[in-house]
PDB file of N, CA and C in Angstrom:
ATOM      1  N   MET A   1      90.170 106.040  86.964  1.00  0.00           N
ATOM      2  CA  MET A   1      90.225 106.660  88.273  1.00  0.00           C
ATOM      3  C   MET A   1      91.457 106.207  89.057  1.00  0.00           C
ATOM      4  N   THR A   2      91.837 104.942  88.871  1.00  0.00           N
ATOM      5  CA  THR A   2      93.018 104.483  89.612  1.00  0.00           C
ATOM      6  C   THR A   2      94.277 105.183  89.123  1.00  0.00           C
ATOM      7  N   GLY A   3      94.295 105.582  87.865  1.00  0.00           N
ATOM      8  CA  GLY A   3      95.420 106.379  87.373  1.00  0.00           C
ATOM      9  C   GLY A   3      95.505 107.707  88.103  1.00  0.00           C
ATOM     10  N   CYS A   4      94.351 108.311  88.348  1.00  0.00           N
ATOM     11  CA  CYS A   4      94.318 109.570  89.106  1.00  0.00           C
ATOM     12  C   CYS A   4      94.788 109.333  90.544  1.00  0.00           C
ATOM     13  N   LEU A   5      94.349 108.234  91.151  1.00  0.00           N
ATOM     14  CA  LEU A   5      94.770 107.922  92.512  1.00  0.00           C
ATOM     15  C   LEU A   5      96.272 107.676  92.577  1.00  0.00           C
ATOM     16  N   PHE A   6      96.793 107.059  91.526  1.00  0.00           N
ATOM     17  CA  PHE A   6      98.232 106.825  91.472  1.00  0.00           C
ATOM     18  C   PHE A   6      98.972 108.164  91.490  1.00  0.00           C
ATOM     19  N   GLY A   7      98.582 109.059  90.612  1.00  0.00           N
ATOM     20  CA  GLY A   7      99.226 110.366  90.553  1.00  0.00           C
ATOM     21  C   GLY A   7      99.050 111.168  91.827  1.00  0.00           C
ATOM     22  N   TYR A   8      97.844 111.118  92.390  1.00  0.00           N
ATOM     23  CA  TYR A   8      97.579 111.852  93.622  1.00  0.00           C
ATOM     24  C   TYR A   8      98.446 111.344  94.767  1.00  0.00           C
ATOM     25  N   SER A   9      98.506 110.021  94.907  1.00  0.00           N
ATOM     26  CA  SER A   9      99.279 109.443  96.015  1.00  0.00           C
ATOM     27  C   SER A   9     100.770 109.706  95.874  1.00  0.00           C
ATOM     28  N   VAL A  10     101.257 109.739  94.652  1.00  0.00           N
ATOM     29  CA  VAL A  10     102.672 110.049  94.435  1.00  0.00           C
ATOM     30  C   VAL A  10     102.936 111.515  94.763  1.00  0.00           C
ATOM     31  N   GLY A  11     102.015 112.375  94.365  1.00  0.00           N
ATOM     32  CA  GLY A  11     102.231 113.806  94.515  1.00  0.00           C
ATOM     33  C   GLY A  11     102.064 114.355  95.912  1.00  0.00           C
ATOM     34  N   PHE A  12     101.052 113.906  96.629  1.00  0.00           N
ATOM     35  CA  PHE A  12     100.760 114.545  97.921  1.00  0.00           C
ATOM     36  C   PHE A  12     101.725 114.158  99.030  1.00  0.00           C
ATOM     37  N   ILE A  13     102.307 112.985  98.976  1.00  0.00           N
ATOM     38  CA  ILE A  13     103.124 112.526 100.093  1.00  0.00           C
ATOM     39  C   ILE A  13     104.392 113.362 100.244  1.00  0.00           C
ATOM     40  N   GLY A  14     104.932 113.856  99.144  1.00  0.00           N
ATOM     41  CA  GLY A  14     106.139 114.673  99.223  1.00  0.00           C
ATOM     42  C   GLY A  14     105.946 115.922 100.060  1.00  0.00           C
ATOM     43  N   GLY A  15     104.792 116.548  99.926  1.00  0.00           N
ATOM     44  CA  GLY A  15     104.505 117.739 100.719  1.00  0.00           C
ATOM     45  C   GLY A  15     104.225 117.430 102.169  1.00  0.00           C
ATOM     46  N   ILE A  16     103.612 116.279 102.409  1.00  0.00           N
ATOM     47  CA  ILE A  16     103.251 115.905 103.780  1.00  0.00           C
ATOM     48  C   ILE A  16     104.485 115.509 104.595  1.00  0.00           C
ATOM     49  N   LEU A  17     105.425 114.832 103.968  1.00  0.00           N
ATOM     50  CA  LEU A  17     106.598 114.328 104.695  1.00  0.00           C
ATOM     51  C   LEU A  17     107.455 115.422 105.318  1.00  0.00           C
ATOM     52  N   VAL A  18     107.370 116.628 104.818  1.00  0.00           N
ATOM     53  CA  VAL A  18     108.201 117.712 105.347  1.00  0.00           C
ATOM     54  C   VAL A  18     107.439 118.664 106.264  1.00  0.00           C
ATOM     55  N   LEU A  19     106.157 118.423 106.453  1.00  0.00           N
ATOM     56  CA  LEU A  19     105.378 119.281 107.346  1.00  0.00           C
ATOM     57  C   LEU A  19     105.860 119.133 108.795  1.00  0.00           C
ATOM     58  N   PRO A  20     106.048 120.236 109.492  1.00  0.00           N
ATOM     59  CA  PRO A  20     106.455 120.149 110.904  1.00  0.00           C
ATOM     60  C   PRO A  20     105.458 119.344 111.748  1.00  0.00           C
ATOM     61  N   SER A  21     104.178 119.461 111.458  1.00  0.00           N
ATOM     62  CA  SER A  21     103.175 118.708 112.223  1.00  0.00           C
ATOM     63  C   SER A  21     103.314 117.208 111.984  1.00  0.00           C
ATOM     64  N   PHE A  22     103.649 116.799 110.764  1.00  0.00           N
ATOM     65  CA  PHE A  22     103.874 115.384 110.457  1.00  0.00           C
ATOM     66  C   PHE A  22     105.090 114.872 111.219  1.00  0.00           C
ATOM     67  N   LEU A  23     106.168 115.621 111.161  1.00  0.00           N
ATOM     68  CA  LEU A  23     107.394 115.213 111.854  1.00  0.00           C
ATOM     69  C   LEU A  23     107.176 115.119 113.358  1.00  0.00           C
ATOM     70  N   ARG A  24     106.407 116.041 113.906  1.00  0.00           N
ATOM     71  CA  ARG A  24     106.104 116.031 115.343  1.00  0.00           C
ATOM     72  C   ARG A  24     105.213 114.842 115.704  1.00  0.00           C
ATOM     73  N   HIS A  25     104.183 114.597 114.875  1.00  0.00           N
ATOM     74  CA  HIS A  25     103.231 113.518 115.149  1.00  0.00           C
ATOM     75  C   HIS A  25     103.927 112.155 115.233  1.00  0.00           C
ATOM     76  N   PHE A  26     104.865 111.931 114.333  1.00  0.00           N
ATOM     77  CA  PHE A  26     105.568 110.647 114.311  1.00  0.00           C
ATOM     78  C   PHE A  26     106.900 110.694 115.059  1.00  0.00           C
ATOM     79  N   ARG A  27     107.099 111.748 115.841  1.00  0.00           N
ATOM     80  CA  ARG A  27     108.286 111.920 116.668  1.00  0.00           C
ATOM     81  C   ARG A  27     109.590 111.828 115.859  1.00  0.00           C
ATOM     82  N   LEU A  28     109.561 112.422 114.690  1.00  0.00           N
ATOM     83  CA  LEU A  28     110.749 112.451 113.843  1.00  0.00           C
ATOM     84  C   LEU A  28     111.501 113.771 113.955  1.00  0.00           C
ATOM     85  N   ASP A  29     110.874 114.754 114.580  1.00  0.00           N
ATOM     86  CA  ASP A  29     111.431 116.100 114.589  1.00  0.00           C
ATOM     87  C   ASP A  29     112.720 116.237 115.400  1.00  0.00           C
ATOM     88  N   HIS A  30     113.011 115.297 116.269  1.00  0.00           N
ATOM     89  CA  HIS A  30     114.226 115.377 117.086  1.00  0.00           C
ATOM     90  C   HIS A  30     115.321 114.432 116.595  1.00  0.00           C
ATOM     91  N   LEU A  31     115.065 113.763 115.480  1.00  0.00           N
ATOM     92  CA  LEU A  31     116.051 112.827 114.939  1.00  0.00           C
ATOM     93  C   LEU A  31     117.058 113.553 114.056  1.00  0.00           C
ATOM     94  N   PRO A  32     118.231 112.952 113.877  1.00  0.00           N
ATOM     95  CA  PRO A  32     119.188 113.517 112.914  1.00  0.00           C
ATOM     96  C   PRO A  32     118.605 113.461 111.496  1.00  0.00           C
ATOM     97  N   ALA A  33     119.086 114.322 110.643  1.00  0.00           N
ATOM     98  CA  ALA A  33     118.573 114.413 109.265  1.00  0.00           C
ATOM     99  C   ALA A  33     118.661 113.074 108.531  1.00  0.00           C
ATOM    100  N   LYS A  34     119.706 112.313 108.790  1.00  0.00           N
ATOM    101  CA  LYS A  34     119.881 111.015 108.136  1.00  0.00           C
ATOM    102  C   LYS A  34     118.739 110.066 108.508  1.00  0.00           C
ATOM    103  N   ASP A  35     118.345 110.041 109.767  1.00  0.00           N
ATOM    104  CA  ASP A  35     117.275 109.159 110.223  1.00  0.00           C
ATOM    105  C   ASP A  35     115.909 109.623 109.709  1.00  0.00           C
ATOM    106  N   ILE A  36     115.716 110.920 109.616  1.00  0.00           N
ATOM    107  CA  ILE A  36     114.474 111.449 109.052  1.00  0.00           C
ATOM    108  C   ILE A  36     114.364 111.045 107.589  1.00  0.00           C
ATOM    109  N   ALA A  37     115.453 111.189 106.852  1.00  0.00           N
ATOM    110  CA  ALA A  37     115.457 110.812 105.435  1.00  0.00           C
ATOM    111  C   ALA A  37     115.181 109.320 105.256  1.00  0.00           C
ATOM    112  N   LEU A  38     115.720 108.493 106.141  1.00  0.00           N
ATOM    113  CA  LEU A  38     115.483 107.051 106.070  1.00  0.00           C
ATOM    114  C   LEU A  38     114.011 106.737 106.309  1.00  0.00           C
ATOM    115  N   ALA A  39     113.421 107.356 107.316  1.00  0.00           N
ATOM    116  CA  ALA A  39     111.997 107.131 107.603  1.00  0.00           C
ATOM    117  C   ALA A  39     111.131 107.599 106.433  1.00  0.00           C
ATOM    118  N   GLN A  40     111.465 108.742 105.863  1.00  0.00           N
ATOM    119  CA  GLN A  40     110.692 109.254 104.733  1.00  0.00           C
ATOM    120  C   GLN A  40     110.818 108.344 103.521  1.00  0.00           C
ATOM    121  N   SER A  41     111.996 107.823 103.284  1.00  0.00           N
ATOM    122  CA  SER A  41     112.175 106.934 102.133  1.00  0.00           C
ATOM    123  C   SER A  41     111.413 105.628 102.313  1.00  0.00           C
ATOM    124  N   LYS A  42     111.315 105.139 103.541  1.00  0.00           N
ATOM    125  CA  LYS A  42     110.535 103.927 103.797  1.00  0.00           C
ATOM    126  C   LYS A  42     109.051 104.167 103.557  1.00  0.00           C
ATOM    127  N   ILE A  43     108.582 105.349 103.922  1.00  0.00           N
ATOM    128  CA  ILE A  43     107.167 105.681 103.704  1.00  0.00           C
ATOM    129  C   ILE A  43     106.862 105.718 102.207  1.00  0.00           C
ATOM    130  N   VAL A  44     107.708 106.353 101.440  1.00  0.00           N
ATOM    131  CA  VAL A  44     107.494 106.448  99.994  1.00  0.00           C
ATOM    132  C   VAL A  44     107.646 105.071  99.344  1.00  0.00           C
ATOM    133  N   SER A  45     108.670 104.338  99.739  1.00  0.00           N
ATOM    134  CA  SER A  45     108.942 103.031  99.136  1.00  0.00           C
ATOM    135  C   SER A  45     107.865 102.010  99.444  1.00  0.00           C
ATOM    136  N   SER A  46     107.284 102.055 100.635  1.00  0.00           N
ATOM    137  CA  SER A  46     106.258 101.072 100.986  1.00  0.00           C
ATOM    138  C   SER A  46     105.063 101.180 100.045  1.00  0.00           C
ATOM    139  N   TRP A  47     104.740 102.391  99.611  1.00  0.00           N
ATOM    140  CA  TRP A  47     103.617 102.566  98.694  1.00  0.00           C
ATOM    141  C   TRP A  47     103.950 102.012  97.311  1.00  0.00           C
ATOM    142  N   ILE A  48     105.164 102.276  96.833  1.00  0.00           N
ATOM    143  CA  ILE A  48     105.584 101.771  95.521  1.00  0.00           C
ATOM    144  C   ILE A  48     105.636 100.247  95.533  1.00  0.00           C
ATOM    145  N   VAL A  49     106.144  99.667  96.608  1.00  0.00           N
ATOM    146  CA  VAL A  49     106.167  98.206  96.736  1.00  0.00           C
ATOM    147  C   VAL A  49     104.742  97.661  96.720  1.00  0.00           C
ATOM    148  N   GLY A  50     103.829  98.344  97.417  1.00  0.00           N
ATOM    149  CA  GLY A  50     102.428  97.927  97.412  1.00  0.00           C
ATOM    150  C   GLY A  50     101.840  97.935  96.014  1.00  0.00           C
ATOM    151  N   CYS A  51     102.128  98.964  95.236  1.00  0.00           N
ATOM    152  CA  CYS A  51     101.643  99.018  93.849  1.00  0.00           C
ATOM    153  C   CYS A  51     102.180  97.849  93.038  1.00  0.00           C
ATOM    154  N   THR A  52     103.451  97.536  93.252  1.00  0.00           N
ATOM    155  CA  THR A  52     104.077  96.429  92.526  1.00  0.00           C
ATOM    156  C   THR A  52     103.456  95.095  92.917  1.00  0.00           C
ATOM    157  N   ILE A  53     103.127  94.924  94.180  1.00  0.00           N
ATOM    158  CA  ILE A  53     102.477  93.697  94.650  1.00  0.00           C
ATOM    159  C   ILE A  53     101.033  93.633  94.162  1.00  0.00           C
ATOM    160  N   GLY A  54     100.383  94.777  94.095  1.00  0.00           N
ATOM    161  CA  GLY A  54      98.961  94.822  93.748  1.00  0.00           C
ATOM    162  C   GLY A  54      98.642  94.349  92.345  1.00  0.00           C
ATOM    163  N   VAL A  55      99.525  94.606  91.407  1.00  0.00           N
ATOM    164  CA  VAL A  55      99.243  94.210  90.021  1.00  0.00           C
ATOM    165  C   VAL A  55      99.087  92.692  89.891  1.00  0.00           C
ATOM    166  N   PRO A  56     100.043  91.871  90.362  1.00  0.00           N
ATOM    167  CA  PRO A  56      99.831  90.425  90.223  1.00  0.00           C
ATOM    168  C   PRO A  56      98.687  89.885  91.094  1.00  0.00           C
ATOM    169  N   ILE A  57      98.291  90.631  92.115  1.00  0.00           N
ATOM    170  CA  ILE A  57      97.120  90.222  92.898  1.00  0.00           C
ATOM    171  C   ILE A  57      95.847  90.516  92.108  1.00  0.00           C
ATOM    172  N   GLY A  58      95.829  91.652  91.427  1.00  0.00           N
ATOM    173  CA  GLY A  58      94.636  92.073  90.697  1.00  0.00           C
ATOM    174  C   GLY A  58      94.366  91.279  89.430  1.00  0.00           C
ATOM    175  N   VAL A  59      95.404  90.790  88.773  1.00  0.00           N
ATOM    176  CA  VAL A  59      95.218  90.080  87.499  1.00  0.00           C
ATOM    177  C   VAL A  59      94.321  88.857  87.646  1.00  0.00           C
ATOM    178  N   PRO A  60      94.592  87.931  88.587  1.00  0.00           N
ATOM    179  CA  PRO A  60      93.694  86.769  88.687  1.00  0.00           C
ATOM    180  C   PRO A  60      92.283  87.142  89.153  1.00  0.00           C
ATOM    181  N   ILE A  61      92.183  88.159  89.999  1.00  0.00           N
ATOM    182  CA  ILE A  61      90.855  88.586  90.453  1.00  0.00           C
ATOM    183  C   ILE A  61      90.058  89.120  89.272  1.00  0.00           C
ATOM    184  N   CYS A  62      90.706  89.928  88.457  1.00  0.00           N
ATOM    185  CA  CYS A  62      90.040  90.499  87.286  1.00  0.00           C
ATOM    186  C   CYS A  62      89.684  89.406  86.276  1.00  0.00           C
ATOM    187  N   SER A  63      90.584  88.461  86.069  1.00  0.00           N
ATOM    188  CA  SER A  63      90.339  87.386  85.104  1.00  0.00           C
ATOM    189  C   SER A  63      89.202  86.472  85.552  1.00  0.00           C
ATOM    190  N   LYS A  64      89.163  86.169  86.840  1.00  0.00           N
ATOM    191  CA  LYS A  64      88.176  85.215  87.342  1.00  0.00           C
ATOM    192  C   LYS A  64      86.818  85.859  87.631  1.00  0.00           C
ATOM    193  N   TYR A  65      86.820  87.064  88.208  1.00  0.00           N
ATOM    194  CA  TYR A  65      85.573  87.666  88.675  1.00  0.00           C
ATOM    195  C   TYR A  65      85.118  88.876  87.857  1.00  0.00           C
ATOM    196  N   GLY A  66      85.962  89.351  86.958  1.00  0.00           N
ATOM    197  CA  GLY A  66      85.589  90.475  86.120  1.00  0.00           C
ATOM    198  C   GLY A  66      86.119  91.801  86.639  1.00  0.00           C
ATOM    199  N   ARG A  67      86.003  92.789  85.763  1.00  0.00           N
ATOM    200  CA  ARG A  67      86.572  94.101  86.066  1.00  0.00           C
ATOM    201  C   ARG A  67      85.860  94.808  87.209  1.00  0.00           C
ATOM    202  N   LYS A  68      84.563  94.665  87.267  1.00  0.00           N
ATOM    203  CA  LYS A  68      83.803  95.376  88.299  1.00  0.00           C
ATOM    204  C   LYS A  68      84.221  94.943  89.702  1.00  0.00           C
ATOM    205  N   LEU A  69      84.282  93.643  89.939  1.00  0.00           N
ATOM    206  CA  LEU A  69      84.691  93.166  91.268  1.00  0.00           C
ATOM    207  C   LEU A  69      86.161  93.464  91.560  1.00  0.00           C
ATOM    208  N   CYS A  70      86.978  93.465  90.529  1.00  0.00           N
ATOM    209  CA  CYS A  70      88.388  93.823  90.719  1.00  0.00           C
ATOM    210  C   CYS A  70      88.506  95.275  91.179  1.00  0.00           C
ATOM    211  N   ILE A  71      87.732  96.148  90.566  1.00  0.00           N
ATOM    212  CA  ILE A  71      87.773  97.558  90.952  1.00  0.00           C
ATOM    213  C   ILE A  71      87.187  97.764  92.347  1.00  0.00           C
ATOM    214  N   ILE A  72      86.139  97.026  92.687  1.00  0.00           N
ATOM    215  CA  ILE A  72      85.574  97.107  94.041  1.00  0.00           C
ATOM    216  C   ILE A  72      86.605  96.628  95.066  1.00  0.00           C
ATOM    217  N   PHE A  73      87.280  95.538  94.756  1.00  0.00           N
ATOM    218  CA  PHE A  73      88.322  95.007  95.640  1.00  0.00           C
ATOM    219  C   PHE A  73      89.444  96.024  95.830  1.00  0.00           C
ATOM    220  N   SER A  74      89.925  96.581  94.729  1.00  0.00           N
ATOM    221  CA  SER A  74      91.034  97.529  94.825  1.00  0.00           C
ATOM    222  C   SER A  74      90.611  98.820  95.529  1.00  0.00           C
ATOM    223  N   ALA A  75      89.397  99.273  95.280  1.00  0.00           N
ATOM    224  CA  ALA A  75      88.907 100.479  95.966  1.00  0.00           C
ATOM    225  C   ALA A  75      88.790 100.231  97.465  1.00  0.00           C
ATOM    226  N   SER A  76      88.374  99.039  97.846  1.00  0.00           N
ATOM    227  CA  SER A  76      88.265  98.697  99.266  1.00  0.00           C
ATOM    228  C   SER A  76      89.630  98.739  99.947  1.00  0.00           C
ATOM    229  N   LEU A  77      90.639  98.179  99.278  1.00  0.00           N
ATOM    230  CA  LEU A  77      91.992  98.229  99.835  1.00  0.00           C
ATOM    231  C   LEU A  77      92.491  99.662  99.928  1.00  0.00           C
ATOM    232  N   TYR A  78      92.215 100.447  98.910  1.00  0.00           N
ATOM    233  CA  TYR A  78      92.647 101.852  98.915  1.00  0.00           C
ATOM    234  C   TYR A  78      92.008 102.590 100.091  1.00  0.00           C
ATOM    235  N   ILE A  79      90.730 102.356 100.307  1.00  0.00           N
ATOM    236  CA  ILE A  79      90.016 103.032 101.399  1.00  0.00           C
ATOM    237  C   ILE A  79      90.538 102.583 102.759  1.00  0.00           C
ATOM    238  N   VAL A  80      90.767 101.280 102.928  1.00  0.00           N
ATOM    239  CA  VAL A  80      91.301 100.778 104.199  1.00  0.00           C
ATOM    240  C   VAL A  80      92.669 101.396 104.472  1.00  0.00           C
ATOM    241  N   GLY A  81      93.532 101.420 103.468  1.00  0.00           N
ATOM    242  CA  GLY A  81      94.846 102.023 103.643  1.00  0.00           C
ATOM    243  C   GLY A  81      94.766 103.504 103.970  1.00  0.00           C
ATOM    244  N   THR A  82      93.862 104.197 103.309  1.00  0.00           N
ATOM    245  CA  THR A  82      93.692 105.630 103.566  1.00  0.00           C
ATOM    246  C   THR A  82      93.179 105.870 104.979  1.00  0.00           C
ATOM    247  N   LEU A  83      92.194 105.091 105.400  1.00  0.00           N
ATOM    248  CA  LEU A  83      91.661 105.259 106.756  1.00  0.00           C
ATOM    249  C   LEU A  83      92.722 104.997 107.816  1.00  0.00           C
ATOM    250  N   LEU A  84      93.532 103.979 107.604  1.00  0.00           N
ATOM    251  CA  LEU A  84      94.600 103.697 108.561  1.00  0.00           C
ATOM    252  C   LEU A  84      95.617 104.834 108.631  1.00  0.00           C
ATOM    253  N   GLN A  85      95.877 105.460 107.500  1.00  0.00           N
ATOM    254  CA  GLN A  85      96.805 106.594 107.498  1.00  0.00           C
ATOM    255  C   GLN A  85      96.217 107.785 108.236  1.00  0.00           C
ATOM    256  N   VAL A  86      94.958 108.035 108.007  1.00  0.00           N
ATOM    257  CA  VAL A  86      94.314 109.217 108.581  1.00  0.00           C
ATOM    258  C   VAL A  86      94.006 109.024 110.061  1.00  0.00           C
ATOM    259  N   LEU A  87      93.632 107.834 110.450  1.00  0.00           N
ATOM    260  CA  LEU A  87      93.185 107.593 111.816  1.00  0.00           C
ATOM    261  C   LEU A  87      94.293 107.128 112.753  1.00  0.00           C
ATOM    262  N   ASP A  88      95.537 107.180 112.304  1.00  0.00           N
ATOM    263  CA  ASP A  88      96.662 106.768 113.139  1.00  0.00           C
ATOM    264  C   ASP A  88      96.931 107.846 114.182  1.00  0.00           C
ATOM    265  N   GLY A  89      96.196 107.797 115.287  1.00  0.00           N
ATOM    266  CA  GLY A  89      96.293 108.821 116.315  1.00  0.00           C
ATOM    267  C   GLY A  89      97.501 108.687 117.229  1.00  0.00           C
ATOM    268  N   ASP A  90      98.096 107.506 117.282  1.00  0.00           N
ATOM    269  CA  ASP A  90      99.213 107.276 118.200  1.00  0.00           C
ATOM    270  C   ASP A  90     100.563 107.637 117.604  1.00  0.00           C
ATOM    271  N   GLY A  91     100.601 107.978 116.339  1.00  0.00           N
ATOM    272  CA  GLY A  91     101.860 108.345 115.711  1.00  0.00           C
ATOM    273  C   GLY A  91     102.809 107.177 115.546  1.00  0.00           C
ATOM    274  N   MET A  92     102.267 106.001 115.256  1.00  0.00           N
ATOM    275  CA  MET A  92     103.105 104.821 115.058  1.00  0.00           C
ATOM    276  C   MET A  92     103.512 104.753 113.587  1.00  0.00           C
ATOM    277  N   LEU A  93     104.775 104.959 113.329  1.00  0.00           N
ATOM    278  CA  LEU A  93     105.275 105.020 111.962  1.00  0.00           C
ATOM    279  C   LEU A  93     105.089 103.693 111.236  1.00  0.00           C
ATOM    280  N   GLY A  94     105.222 102.584 111.942  1.00  0.00           N
ATOM    281  CA  GLY A  94     105.037 101.266 111.325  1.00  0.00           C
ATOM    282  C   GLY A  94     103.619 101.070 110.799  1.00  0.00           C
ATOM    283  N   ILE A  95     102.631 101.540 111.544  1.00  0.00           N
ATOM    284  CA  ILE A  95     101.228 101.457 111.101  1.00  0.00           C
ATOM    285  C   ILE A  95     101.035 102.328 109.859  1.00  0.00           C
ATOM    286  N   PHE A  96     101.629 103.506 109.868  1.00  0.00           N
ATOM    287  CA  PHE A  96     101.511 104.403 108.719  1.00  0.00           C
ATOM    288  C   PHE A  96     102.135 103.766 107.482  1.00  0.00           C
ATOM    289  N   GLN A  97     103.283 103.137 107.638  1.00  0.00           N
ATOM    290  CA  GLN A  97     103.941 102.469 106.506  1.00  0.00           C
ATOM    291  C   GLN A  97     103.113 101.288 106.015  1.00  0.00           C
ATOM    292  N   LEU A  98     102.548 100.506 106.931  1.00  0.00           N
ATOM    293  CA  LEU A  98     101.680  99.393 106.548  1.00  0.00           C
ATOM    294  C   LEU A  98     100.453  99.910 105.804  1.00  0.00           C
ATOM    295  N   ALA A  99      99.891 101.011 106.281  1.00  0.00           N
ATOM    296  CA  ALA A  99      98.725 101.603 105.618  1.00  0.00           C
ATOM    297  C   ALA A  99      99.091 102.062 104.212  1.00  0.00           C
ATOM    298  N   ARG A 100     100.275 102.629 104.044  1.00  0.00           N
ATOM    299  CA  ARG A 100     100.724 103.029 102.705  1.00  0.00           C
ATOM    300  C   ARG A 100     100.888 101.809 101.807  1.00  0.00           C
ATOM    301  N   LEU A 101     101.383 100.700 102.368  1.00  0.00           N
ATOM    302  CA  LEU A 101     101.527  99.466 101.602  1.00  0.00           C
ATOM    303  C   LEU A 101     100.165  98.965 101.135  1.00  0.00           C
ATOM    304  N   ILE A 102      99.189  98.919 102.037  1.00  0.00           N
ATOM    305  CA  ILE A 102      97.838  98.471 101.696  1.00  0.00           C
ATOM    306  C   ILE A 102      97.228  99.393 100.646  1.00  0.00           C
ATOM    307  N   ASN A 103      97.406 100.673 100.827  1.00  0.00           N
ATOM    308  CA  ASN A 103      96.918 101.668  99.877  1.00  0.00           C
ATOM    309  C   ASN A 103      97.533 101.430  98.502  1.00  0.00           C
ATOM    310  N   GLY A 104      98.824 101.161  98.461  1.00  0.00           N
ATOM    311  CA  GLY A 104      99.511 100.886  97.200  1.00  0.00           C
ATOM    312  C   GLY A 104      99.031  99.611  96.534  1.00  0.00           C
ATOM    313  N   ILE A 105      98.761  98.582  97.328  1.00  0.00           N
ATOM    314  CA  ILE A 105      98.224  97.336  96.762  1.00  0.00           C
ATOM    315  C   ILE A 105      96.888  97.615  96.082  1.00  0.00           C
ATOM    316  N   GLY A 106      96.067  98.435  96.719  1.00  0.00           N
ATOM    317  CA  GLY A 106      94.783  98.787  96.122  1.00  0.00           C
ATOM    318  C   GLY A 106      94.934  99.509  94.800  1.00  0.00           C
ATOM    319  N   VAL A 107      95.880 100.427  94.725  1.00  0.00           N
ATOM    320  CA  VAL A 107      96.105 101.157  93.469  1.00  0.00           C
ATOM    321  C   VAL A 107      96.662 100.221  92.403  1.00  0.00           C
ATOM    322  N   GLY A 108      97.611  99.375  92.767  1.00  0.00           N
ATOM    323  CA  GLY A 108      98.184  98.443  91.808  1.00  0.00           C
ATOM    324  C   GLY A 108      97.158  97.451  91.282  1.00  0.00           C
ATOM    325  N   ALA A 109      96.333  96.911  92.170  1.00  0.00           N
ATOM    326  CA  ALA A 109      95.299  95.968  91.755  1.00  0.00           C
ATOM    327  C   ALA A 109      94.266  96.648  90.868  1.00  0.00           C
ATOM    328  N   GLY A 110      93.991  97.899  91.143  1.00  0.00           N
ATOM    329  CA  GLY A 110      93.016  98.641  90.359  1.00  0.00           C
ATOM    330  C   GLY A 110      93.453  98.863  88.928  1.00  0.00           C
ATOM    331  N   GLN A 111      94.749  98.894  88.694  1.00  0.00           N
ATOM    332  CA  GLN A 111      95.235  99.076  87.332  1.00  0.00           C
ATOM    333  C   GLN A 111      94.838  97.896  86.456  1.00  0.00           C
ATOM    334  N   CYS A 112      94.632  96.731  87.045  1.00  0.00           N
ATOM    335  CA  CYS A 112      94.260  95.547  86.273  1.00  0.00           C
ATOM    336  C   CYS A 112      92.816  95.607  85.815  1.00  0.00           C
ATOM    337  N   GLY A 113      91.992  96.347  86.512  1.00  0.00           N
ATOM    338  CA  GLY A 113      90.583  96.448  86.148  1.00  0.00           C
ATOM    339  C   GLY A 113      90.341  97.253  84.898  1.00  0.00           C
ATOM    340  N   HIS A 114      91.378  97.880  84.381  1.00  0.00           N
ATOM    341  CA  HIS A 114      91.220  98.727  83.192  1.00  0.00           C
ATOM    342  C   HIS A 114      91.773  98.059  81.953  1.00  0.00           C
ATOM    343  N   GLN A 115      92.112  96.802  82.035  1.00  0.00           N
ATOM    344  CA  GLN A 115      92.691  96.097  80.896  1.00  0.00           C
ATOM    345  C   GLN A 115      91.629  95.736  79.893  1.00  0.00           C
TER     346      GLN A 115
END
């Protein structure tokens, strides 16, 4: 399932980043194209960095507590990150990026539960 979440998270963000409503919500619609591209790249990169961090976090959890608890841990992080992304009503880009990082850690840690 974490493989599916990995693919889903990689795929859906590309479409969301260019939506006019997304750009308006995070007040990116009035920025120069260069600044919009920088913000979008940070959003995408924060998730990939989270996945990279999540794997070494998940390995000791999986080794010590087993696959089931590792998957529960990673699913919890994924859900927290997703909720923060969805419930960010103030349009704070930093919170959205942090939520993507947490979400990525959950996906990365979850990959260890399938070893």
